[in-house]
Structures are given as C-alpha cells and as structure tokens.
C-alpha cells in the first residue's frame, strides 16, 4: 500500500475503518487492516469522505449547454460531433 488512512468514520455510518490506497486508488476498506503502507494517517475517528465539491467542469460548456442540441447518448463520440456542429457558429467574443 502507498497510503493507509486509519480509524476513519465513513459517510455510510461505518466507523473505525482503515482505507488502503495503492496507485491513487482505494483498494481496501477494512477494520484493523494488518497491512503497512509507505505513509499512514490516523484519522482519529474523523469523517473521511469524497470531496463535497467537484471542481472538474468544462467552463466552455457553461455558455453552450444545449447548443446545438444536448448529447443524448452521453458518449464522447456524440460530444465531438456536437462540437463539430457548434464550431461554425462560435465567435471570438
């Protein structure tokens, strides 16, 4: 393990949980994890959760939602096609 966060409380109500992380991914959630890690943090019974704010967003899409139409499939392929349809209508402003 690269990192273990020990004695964490989780949003689902579980407490005293050790969170094992390897290569940037959570690989185990377990009470009293016997493994050792390069770095260990004692959460001391505090809440450990995903971020409350997702800072990843596409600023360019804030002004173009639904133009020329919404991405119905949610796929990258359709997203690329939509930008191809929108691009001729874009201006420097």
PDB file of N, CA and C in Angstrom:
ATOM      1  N   UNK A   1       0.842  -1.181   0.000  1.00  0.00           N
ATOM      2  CA  UNK A   1       0.000   0.000   0.000  1.00  0.00           C
ATOM      3  C   UNK A   1       0.889   1.246   0.000  1.00  0.00           C
ATOM      4  N   UNK A   2       0.386   2.268  -0.692  1.00  0.00           N
ATOM      5  CA  UNK A   2       1.090   3.546  -0.677  1.00  0.00           C
ATOM      6  C   UNK A   2       0.643   4.399   0.510  1.00  0.00           C
ATOM      7  N   UNK A   3      -0.644   4.297   0.838  1.00  0.00           N
ATOM      8  CA  UNK A   3      -1.214   5.110   1.905  1.00  0.00           C
ATOM      9  C   UNK A   3      -2.311   4.326   2.609  1.00  0.00           C
ATOM     10  N   UNK A   4      -2.337   4.414   3.916  1.00  0.00           N
ATOM     11  CA  UNK A   4      -3.454   3.871   4.695  1.00  0.00           C
ATOM     12  C   UNK A   4      -3.958   4.987   5.604  1.00  0.00           C
ATOM     13  N   UNK A   5      -5.241   5.261   5.519  1.00  0.00           N
ATOM     14  CA  UNK A   5      -5.890   6.188   6.440  1.00  0.00           C
ATOM     15  C   UNK A   5      -6.559   5.312   7.486  1.00  0.00           C
ATOM     16  N   UNK A   6      -6.112   5.424   8.713  1.00  0.00           N
ATOM     17  CA  UNK A   6      -6.581   4.535   9.773  1.00  0.00           C
ATOM     18  C   UNK A   6      -7.645   5.202  10.637  1.00  0.00           C
ATOM     19  N   UNK A   7      -8.559   4.347  11.146  1.00  0.00           N
ATOM     20  CA  UNK A   7      -9.566   4.758  12.123  1.00  0.00           C
ATOM     21  C   UNK A   7     -10.474   5.871  11.596  1.00  0.00           C
ATOM     22  N   UNK A   8     -10.982   5.680  10.390  1.00  0.00           N
ATOM     23  CA  UNK A   8     -11.839   6.688   9.755  1.00  0.00           C
ATOM     24  C   UNK A   8     -13.313   6.378   9.972  1.00  0.00           C
ATOM     25  N   UNK A   9     -14.101   7.417  10.067  1.00  0.00           N
ATOM     26  CA  UNK A   9     -15.556   7.284  10.010  1.00  0.00           C
ATOM     27  C   UNK A   9     -15.970   7.577   8.578  1.00  0.00           C
ATOM     28  N   UNK A  10     -16.859   6.752   8.035  1.00  0.00           N
ATOM     29  CA  UNK A  10     -17.296   6.908   6.652  1.00  0.00           C
ATOM     30  C   UNK A  10     -18.706   7.480   6.589  1.00  0.00           C
ATOM     31  N   UNK A  11     -19.057   8.124   5.473  1.00  0.00           N
ATOM     32  CA  UNK A  11     -20.391   8.724   5.345  1.00  0.00           C
ATOM     33  C   UNK A  11     -21.539   7.728   5.494  1.00  0.00           C
ATOM     34  N   UNK A  12     -21.282   6.438   5.229  1.00  0.00           N
ATOM     35  CA  UNK A  12     -22.356   5.440   5.336  1.00  0.00           C
ATOM     36  C   UNK A  12     -22.584   4.971   6.778  1.00  0.00           C
ATOM     37  N   UNK A  13     -21.852   5.558   7.738  1.00  0.00           N
ATOM     38  CA  UNK A  13     -22.061   5.224   9.143  1.00  0.00           C
ATOM     39  C   UNK A  13     -21.034   4.274   9.730  1.00  0.00           C
ATOM     40  N   UNK A  14     -20.232   3.628   8.897  1.00  0.00           N
ATOM     41  CA  UNK A  14     -19.197   2.739   9.427  1.00  0.00           C
ATOM     42  C   UNK A  14     -18.133   3.568  10.141  1.00  0.00           C
ATOM     43  N   UNK A  15     -17.600   3.014  11.214  1.00  0.00           N
ATOM     44  CA  UNK A  15     -16.560   3.733  11.953  1.00  0.00           C
ATOM     45  C   UNK A  15     -15.389   2.807  12.235  1.00  0.00           C
ATOM     46  N   UNK A  16     -14.232   3.410  12.523  1.00  0.00           N
ATOM     47  CA  UNK A  16     -13.038   2.626  12.808  1.00  0.00           C
ATOM     48  C   UNK A  16     -12.525   1.881  11.595  1.00  0.00           C
ATOM     49  N   UNK A  17     -12.713   2.448  10.427  1.00  0.00           N
ATOM     50  CA  UNK A  17     -12.337   1.783   9.176  1.00  0.00           C
ATOM     51  C   UNK A  17     -10.963   2.261   8.717  1.00  0.00           C
ATOM     52  N   UNK A  18     -10.146   1.323   8.244  1.00  0.00           N
ATOM     53  CA  UNK A  18      -8.871   1.649   7.621  1.00  0.00           C
ATOM     54  C   UNK A  18      -9.075   1.641   6.110  1.00  0.00           C
ATOM     55  N   UNK A  19      -8.541   2.661   5.449  1.00  0.00           N
ATOM     56  CA  UNK A  19      -8.691   2.816   4.000  1.00  0.00           C
ATOM     57  C   UNK A  19      -7.326   2.600   3.364  1.00  0.00           C
ATOM     58  N   UNK A  20      -7.194   1.527   2.587  1.00  0.00           N
ATOM     59  CA  UNK A  20      -5.936   1.223   1.919  1.00  0.00           C
ATOM     60  C   UNK A  20      -5.936   1.763   0.504  1.00  0.00           C
ATOM     61  N   UNK A  21      -4.873   2.508   0.165  1.00  0.00           N
ATOM     62  CA  UNK A  21      -4.776   3.153  -1.143  1.00  0.00           C
ATOM     63  C   UNK A  21      -3.482   2.724  -1.817  1.00  0.00           C
ATOM     64  N   UNK A  22      -3.594   2.321  -3.086  1.00  0.00           N
ATOM     65  CA  UNK A  22      -2.425   1.923  -3.878  1.00  0.00           C
ATOM     66  C   UNK A  22      -2.572   2.519  -5.267  1.00  0.00           C
ATOM     67  N   UNK A  23      -1.523   3.157  -5.745  1.00  0.00           N
ATOM     68  CA  UNK A  23      -1.526   3.796  -7.065  1.00  0.00           C
ATOM     69  C   UNK A  23      -2.691   4.768  -7.224  1.00  0.00           C
ATOM     70  N   UNK A  24      -3.005   5.494  -6.152  1.00  0.00           N
ATOM     71  CA  UNK A  24      -4.042   6.517  -6.215  1.00  0.00           C
ATOM     72  C   UNK A  24      -5.464   6.008  -6.157  1.00  0.00           C
ATOM     73  N   UNK A  25      -5.646   4.713  -5.921  1.00  0.00           N
ATOM     74  CA  UNK A  25      -6.994   4.140  -5.877  1.00  0.00           C
ATOM     75  C   UNK A  25      -7.231   3.423  -4.558  1.00  0.00           C
ATOM     76  N   UNK A  26      -8.459   3.550  -4.056  1.00  0.00           N
ATOM     77  CA  UNK A  26      -8.833   2.813  -2.851  1.00  0.00           C
ATOM     78  C   UNK A  26      -8.941   1.340  -3.222  1.00  0.00           C
ATOM     79  N   UNK A  27      -8.178   0.499  -2.533  1.00  0.00           N
ATOM     80  CA  UNK A  27      -8.185  -0.930  -2.842  1.00  0.00           C
ATOM     81  C   UNK A  27      -8.794  -1.767  -1.728  1.00  0.00           C
ATOM     82  N   UNK A  28      -8.901  -1.195  -0.521  1.00  0.00           N
ATOM     83  CA  UNK A  28      -9.498  -1.958   0.576  1.00  0.00           C
ATOM     84  C   UNK A  28     -10.064  -1.009   1.632  1.00  0.00           C
ATOM     85  N   UNK A  29     -11.228  -1.382   2.143  1.00  0.00           N
ATOM     86  CA  UNK A  29     -11.850  -0.736   3.301  1.00  0.00           C
ATOM     87  C   UNK A  29     -12.051  -1.839   4.319  1.00  0.00           C
ATOM     88  N   UNK A  30     -11.374  -1.733   5.454  1.00  0.00           N
ATOM     89  CA  UNK A  30     -11.405  -2.843   6.402  1.00  0.00           C
ATOM     90  C   UNK A  30     -11.120  -2.330   7.807  1.00  0.00           C
ATOM     91  N   UNK A  31     -11.747  -2.937   8.771  1.00  0.00           N
ATOM     92  CA  UNK A  31     -11.464  -2.611  10.162  1.00  0.00           C
ATOM     93  C   UNK A  31     -10.157  -3.284  10.564  1.00  0.00           C
ATOM     94  N   UNK A  32      -9.258  -2.555  11.192  1.00  0.00           N
ATOM     95  CA  UNK A  32      -7.973  -3.092  11.676  1.00  0.00           C
ATOM     96  C   UNK A  32      -7.168  -3.770  10.573  1.00  0.00           C
ATOM     97  N   UNK A  33      -6.943  -3.071   9.488  1.00  0.00           N
ATOM     98  CA  UNK A  33      -6.159  -3.578   8.359  1.00  0.00           C
ATOM     99  C   UNK A  33      -4.742  -3.901   8.833  1.00  0.00           C
ATOM    100  N   UNK A  34      -4.277  -5.126   8.564  1.00  0.00           N
ATOM    101  CA  UNK A  34      -2.958  -5.549   9.051  1.00  0.00           C
ATOM    102  C   UNK A  34      -1.818  -5.063   8.155  1.00  0.00           C
ATOM    103  N   UNK A  35      -2.118  -4.662   6.942  1.00  0.00           N
ATOM    104  CA  UNK A  35      -1.081  -4.215   6.006  1.00  0.00           C
ATOM    105  C   UNK A  35      -0.403  -2.946   6.511  1.00  0.00           C
ATOM    106  N   UNK A  36       0.786  -2.696   6.003  1.00  0.00           N
ATOM    107  CA  UNK A  36       1.536  -1.473   6.287  1.00  0.00           C
ATOM    108  C   UNK A  36       1.629  -0.670   4.990  1.00  0.00           C
ATOM    109  N   UNK A  37       1.887   0.632   5.126  1.00  0.00           N
ATOM    110  CA  UNK A  37       1.980   1.494   3.952  1.00  0.00           C
ATOM    111  C   UNK A  37       3.174   2.427   4.077  1.00  0.00           C
ATOM    112  N   UNK A  38       3.577   2.987   2.953  1.00  0.00           N
ATOM    113  CA  UNK A  38       4.645   3.974   2.934  1.00  0.00           C
ATOM    114  C   UNK A  38       4.283   5.165   3.805  1.00  0.00           C
ATOM    115  N   UNK A  39       3.013   5.576   3.729  1.00  0.00           N
ATOM    116  CA  UNK A  39       2.516   6.681   4.553  1.00  0.00           C
ATOM    117  C   UNK A  39       1.234   6.240   5.237  1.00  0.00           C
ATOM    118  N   UNK A  40       1.104   6.584   6.498  1.00  0.00           N
ATOM    119  CA  UNK A  40      -0.109   6.260   7.244  1.00  0.00           C
ATOM    120  C   UNK A  40      -0.606   7.507   7.956  1.00  0.00           C
ATOM    121  N   UNK A  41      -1.918   7.712   7.903  1.00  0.00           N
ATOM    122  CA  UNK A  41      -2.553   8.859   8.547  1.00  0.00           C
ATOM    123  C   UNK A  41      -3.575   8.334   9.538  1.00  0.00           C
ATOM    124  N   UNK A  42      -3.542   8.845  10.756  1.00  0.00           N
ATOM    125  CA  UNK A  42      -4.545   8.484  11.754  1.00  0.00           C
ATOM    126  C   UNK A  42      -5.677   9.503  11.668  1.00  0.00           C
ATOM    127  N   UNK A  43      -6.837   9.063  11.196  1.00  0.00           N
ATOM    128  CA  UNK A  43      -7.991   9.954  11.071  1.00  0.00           C
ATOM    129  C   UNK A  43      -8.631  10.233  12.430  1.00  0.00           C
ATOM    130  N   UNK A  44      -8.245   9.492  13.451  1.00  0.00           N
ATOM    131  CA  UNK A  44      -8.731   9.704  14.825  1.00  0.00           C
ATOM    132  C   UNK A  44     -10.247   9.762  14.917  1.00  0.00           C
ATOM    133  N   UNK A  45     -10.917   8.900  14.161  1.00  0.00           N
ATOM    134  CA  UNK A  45     -12.376   8.843  14.226  1.00  0.00           C
ATOM    135  C   UNK A  45     -13.083   9.980  13.513  1.00  0.00           C
ATOM    136  N   UNK A  46     -12.358  10.727  12.710  1.00  0.00           N
ATOM    137  CA  UNK A  46     -12.973  11.830  11.964  1.00  0.00           C
ATOM    138  C   UNK A  46     -13.576  11.311  10.659  1.00  0.00           C
ATOM    139  N   UNK A  47     -14.492  12.097  10.099  1.00  0.00           N
ATOM    140  CA  UNK A  47     -15.157  11.736   8.849  1.00  0.00           C
ATOM    141  C   UNK A  47     -14.187  11.832   7.684  1.00  0.00           C
ATOM    142  N   UNK A  48     -14.138  10.791   6.875  1.00  0.00           N
ATOM    143  CA  UNK A  48     -13.375  10.788   5.633  1.00  0.00           C
ATOM    144  C   UNK A  48     -14.388  10.562   4.522  1.00  0.00           C
ATOM    145  N   UNK A  49     -14.431  11.485   3.566  1.00  0.00           N
ATOM    146  CA  UNK A  49     -15.447  11.399   2.512  1.00  0.00           C
ATOM    147  C   UNK A  49     -14.880  11.890   1.193  1.00  0.00           C
ATOM    148  N   UNK A  50     -15.600  11.619   0.100  1.00  0.00           N
ATOM    149  CA  UNK A  50     -15.218  12.216  -1.175  1.00  0.00           C
ATOM    150  C   UNK A  50     -15.370  13.735  -1.060  1.00  0.00           C
ATOM    151  N   UNK A  51     -14.795  14.478  -1.983  1.00  0.00           N
ATOM    152  CA  UNK A  51     -14.937  15.931  -1.918  1.00  0.00           C
ATOM    153  C   UNK A  51     -16.404  16.344  -1.987  1.00  0.00           C
ATOM    154  N   UNK A  52     -16.746  17.408  -1.289  1.00  0.00           N
ATOM    155  CA  UNK A  52     -18.115  17.910  -1.320  1.00  0.00           C
ATOM    156  C   UNK A  52     -18.367  18.734  -2.578  1.00  0.00           C
ATOM    157  N   UNK A  53     -17.311  19.171  -3.224  1.00  0.00           N
ATOM    158  CA  UNK A  53     -17.424  19.961  -4.448  1.00  0.00           C
ATOM    159  C   UNK A  53     -16.565  19.287  -5.505  1.00  0.00           C
ATOM    160  N   UNK A  54     -17.140  19.070  -6.676  1.00  0.00           N
ATOM    161  CA  UNK A  54     -16.376  18.533  -7.793  1.00  0.00           C
ATOM    162  C   UNK A  54     -15.881  19.712  -8.618  1.00  0.00           C
ATOM    163  N   UNK A  55     -14.606  20.009  -8.512  1.00  0.00           N
ATOM    164  CA  UNK A  55     -14.046  21.178  -9.186  1.00  0.00           C
ATOM    165  C   UNK A  55     -13.803  20.944 -10.673  1.00  0.00           C
ATOM    166  N   UNK A  56     -14.035  19.732 -11.148  1.00  0.00           N
ATOM    167  CA  UNK A  56     -13.811  19.442 -12.564  1.00  0.00           C
ATOM    168  C   UNK A  56     -15.062  19.768 -13.373  1.00  0.00           C
ATOM    169  N   UNK A  57     -14.983  20.826 -14.126  1.00  0.00           N
ATOM    170  CA  UNK A  57     -16.066  21.150 -15.043  1.00  0.00           C
ATOM    171  C   UNK A  57     -15.473  21.840 -16.261  1.00  0.00           C
ATOM    172  N   UNK A  58     -16.239  21.906 -17.319  1.00  0.00           N
ATOM    173  CA  UNK A  58     -15.772  22.481 -18.569  1.00  0.00           C
ATOM    174  C   UNK A  58     -16.382  23.865 -18.724  1.00  0.00           C
ATOM    175  N   UNK A  59     -15.582  24.902 -18.458  1.00  0.00           N
ATOM    176  CA  UNK A  59     -16.071  26.272 -18.469  1.00  0.00           C
ATOM    177  C   UNK A  59     -16.707  26.634 -19.812  1.00  0.00           C
ATOM    178  N   UNK A  60     -16.150  26.128 -20.897  1.00  0.00           N
ATOM    179  CA  UNK A  60     -16.708  26.451 -22.209  1.00  0.00           C
ATOM    180  C   UNK A  60     -18.140  25.945 -22.357  1.00  0.00           C
ATOM    181  N   UNK A  61     -18.483  24.876 -21.664  1.00  0.00           N
ATOM    182  CA  UNK A  61     -19.827  24.300 -21.786  1.00  0.00           C
ATOM    183  C   UNK A  61     -20.872  25.064 -20.976  1.00  0.00           C
ATOM    184  N   UNK A  62     -20.437  25.944 -20.072  1.00  0.00           N
ATOM    185  CA  UNK A  62     -21.421  26.672 -19.261  1.00  0.00           C
ATOM    186  C   UNK A  62     -22.267  27.614 -20.096  1.00  0.00           C
ATOM    187  N   UNK A  63     -21.739  28.076 -21.208  1.00  0.00           N
ATOM    188  CA  UNK A  63     -22.486  29.005 -22.070  1.00  0.00           C
ATOM    189  C   UNK A  63     -23.024  28.340 -23.328  1.00  0.00           C
ATOM    190  N   UNK A  64     -22.786  27.049 -23.466  1.00  0.00           N
ATOM    191  CA  UNK A  64     -23.215  26.383 -24.696  1.00  0.00           C
ATOM    192  C   UNK A  64     -24.099  25.162 -24.448  1.00  0.00           C
ATOM    193  N   UNK A  65     -24.575  24.984 -23.217  1.00  0.00           N
ATOM    194  CA  UNK A  65     -25.413  23.825 -22.910  1.00  0.00           C
ATOM    195  C   UNK A  65     -26.630  23.785 -23.828  1.00  0.00           C
ATOM    196  N   UNK A  66     -26.808  22.686 -24.502  1.00  0.00           N
ATOM    197  CA  UNK A  66     -27.963  22.513 -25.379  1.00  0.00           C
ATOM    198  C   UNK A  66     -27.773  23.074 -26.776  1.00  0.00           C
ATOM    199  N   UNK A  67     -26.611  23.655 -27.044  1.00  0.00           N
ATOM    200  CA  UNK A  67     -26.348  24.202 -28.380  1.00  0.00           C
ATOM    201  C   UNK A  67     -25.356  23.303 -29.086  1.00  0.00           C
ATOM    202  N   UNK A  68     -25.599  22.816 -30.214  1.00  0.00           N
ATOM    203  CA  UNK A  68     -26.831  22.944 -30.983  1.00  0.00           C
ATOM    204  C   UNK A  68     -27.953  22.048 -30.459  1.00  0.00           C
ATOM    205  N   UNK A  69     -27.572  21.058 -29.631  1.00  0.00           N
ATOM    206  CA  UNK A  69     -28.554  20.157 -29.014  1.00  0.00           C
ATOM    207  C   UNK A  69     -27.854  19.441 -27.869  1.00  0.00           C
ATOM    208  N   UNK A  70     -28.601  18.766 -27.022  1.00  0.00           N
ATOM    209  CA  UNK A  70     -27.999  18.023 -25.915  1.00  0.00           C
ATOM    210  C   UNK A  70     -27.402  16.708 -26.404  1.00  0.00           C
ATOM    211  N   UNK A  71     -26.391  16.261 -25.726  1.00  0.00           N
ATOM    212  CA  UNK A  71     -25.756  14.978 -26.018  1.00  0.00           C
ATOM    213  C   UNK A  71     -26.655  13.882 -25.444  1.00  0.00           C
ATOM    214  N   UNK A  72     -27.474  13.293 -26.272  1.00  0.00           N
ATOM    215  CA  UNK A  72     -28.453  12.305 -25.819  1.00  0.00           C
ATOM    216  C   UNK A  72     -27.818  10.996 -25.360  1.00  0.00           C
ATOM    217  N   UNK A  73     -26.736  10.590 -26.010  1.00  0.00           N
ATOM    218  CA  UNK A  73     -26.113   9.307 -25.658  1.00  0.00           C
ATOM    219  C   UNK A  73     -25.121   9.453 -24.505  1.00  0.00           C
ATOM    220  N   UNK A  74     -24.613  10.671 -24.288  1.00  0.00           N
ATOM    221  CA  UNK A  74     -23.606  10.882 -23.258  1.00  0.00           C
ATOM    222  C   UNK A  74     -22.233  10.353 -23.642  1.00  0.00           C
ATOM    223  N   UNK A  75     -22.056  10.012 -24.902  1.00  0.00           N
ATOM    224  CA  UNK A  75     -20.783   9.445 -25.333  1.00  0.00           C
ATOM    225  C   UNK A  75     -19.834  10.529 -25.833  1.00  0.00           C
ATOM    226  N   UNK A  76     -18.552  10.216 -25.784  1.00  0.00           N
ATOM    227  CA  UNK A  76     -17.538  11.120 -26.309  1.00  0.00           C
ATOM    228  C   UNK A  76     -17.742  11.324 -27.806  1.00  0.00           C
ATOM    229  N   UNK A  77     -18.076  10.267 -28.518  1.00  0.00           N
ATOM    230  CA  UNK A  77     -18.265  10.370 -29.964  1.00  0.00           C
ATOM    231  C   UNK A  77     -19.346  11.393 -30.308  1.00  0.00           C
ATOM    232  N   UNK A  78     -20.481  11.343 -29.613  1.00  0.00           N
ATOM    233  CA  UNK A  78     -21.536  12.318 -29.877  1.00  0.00           C
ATOM    234  C   UNK A  78     -21.103  13.712 -29.429  1.00  0.00           C
ATOM    235  N   UNK A  79     -20.359  13.806 -28.330  1.00  0.00           N
ATOM    236  CA  UNK A  79     -19.855  15.101 -27.868  1.00  0.00           C
ATOM    237  C   UNK A  79     -18.959  15.757 -28.899  1.00  0.00           C
ATOM    238  N   UNK A  80     -18.095  14.976 -29.522  1.00  0.00           N
ATOM    239  CA  UNK A  80     -17.217  15.500 -30.574  1.00  0.00           C
ATOM    240  C   UNK A  80     -18.051  15.956 -31.766  1.00  0.00           C
ATOM    241  N   UNK A  81     -19.057  15.173 -32.136  1.00  0.00           N
ATOM    242  CA  UNK A  81     -19.936  15.554 -33.251  1.00  0.00           C
ATOM    243  C   UNK A  81     -20.667  16.855 -32.942  1.00  0.00           C
ATOM    244  N   UNK A  82     -21.129  17.018 -31.704  1.00  0.00           N
ATOM    245  CA  UNK A  82     -21.822  18.252 -31.311  1.00  0.00           C
ATOM    246  C   UNK A  82     -20.913  19.467 -31.433  1.00  0.00           C
ATOM    247  N   UNK A  83     -19.667  19.343 -30.987  1.00  0.00           N
ATOM    248  CA  UNK A  83     -18.743  20.467 -31.117  1.00  0.00           C
ATOM    249  C   UNK A  83     -18.481  20.777 -32.582  1.00  0.00           C
ATOM    250  N   UNK A  84     -18.452  19.762 -33.421  1.00  0.00           N
ATOM    251  CA  UNK A  84     -18.302  19.992 -34.859  1.00  0.00           C
ATOM    252  C   UNK A  84     -19.473  20.785 -35.423  1.00  0.00           C
ATOM    253  N   UNK A  85     -20.678  20.523 -34.918  1.00  0.00           N
ATOM    254  CA  UNK A  85     -21.864  21.266 -35.353  1.00  0.00           C
ATOM    255  C   UNK A  85     -21.851  22.696 -34.809  1.00  0.00           C
ATOM    256  N   UNK A  86     -21.344  22.874 -33.603  1.00  0.00           N
ATOM    257  CA  UNK A  86     -21.361  24.187 -32.954  1.00  0.00           C
ATOM    258  C   UNK A  86     -20.239  25.102 -33.444  1.00  0.00           C
ATOM    259  N   UNK A  87     -19.091  24.531 -33.764  1.00  0.00           N
ATOM    260  CA  UNK A  87     -17.901  25.322 -34.077  1.00  0.00           C
ATOM    261  C   UNK A  87     -18.122  26.401 -35.137  1.00  0.00           C
ATOM    262  N   UNK A  88     -18.842  26.141 -36.231  1.00  0.00           N
ATOM    263  CA  UNK A  88     -19.036  27.202 -37.233  1.00  0.00           C
ATOM    264  C   UNK A  88     -19.794  28.419 -36.692  1.00  0.00           C
ATOM    265  N   UNK A  89     -20.491  28.272 -35.579  1.00  0.00           N
ATOM    266  CA  UNK A  89     -21.291  29.366 -35.015  1.00  0.00           C
ATOM    267  C   UNK A  89     -20.555  30.124 -33.911  1.00  0.00           C
ATOM    268  N   UNK A  90     -19.367  29.676 -33.539  1.00  0.00           N
ATOM    269  CA  UNK A  90     -18.613  30.328 -32.472  1.00  0.00           C
ATOM    270  C   UNK A  90     -17.945  31.599 -32.979  1.00  0.00           C
ATOM    271  N   UNK A  91     -17.850  32.584 -32.078  1.00  0.00           N
ATOM    272  CA  UNK A  91     -17.165  33.834 -32.405  1.00  0.00           C
ATOM    273  C   UNK A  91     -16.076  34.080 -31.368  1.00  0.00           C
ATOM    274  N   UNK A  92     -15.227  35.044 -31.625  1.00  0.00           N
ATOM    275  CA  UNK A  92     -14.153  35.382 -30.701  1.00  0.00           C
ATOM    276  C   UNK A  92     -14.719  35.883 -29.379  1.00  0.00           C
ATOM    277  N   UNK A  93     -15.834  36.605 -29.434  1.00  0.00           N
ATOM    278  CA  UNK A  93     -16.438  37.141 -28.219  1.00  0.00           C
ATOM    279  C   UNK A  93     -16.916  36.015 -27.363  1.00  0.00           C
TER     280      UNK A  93
END
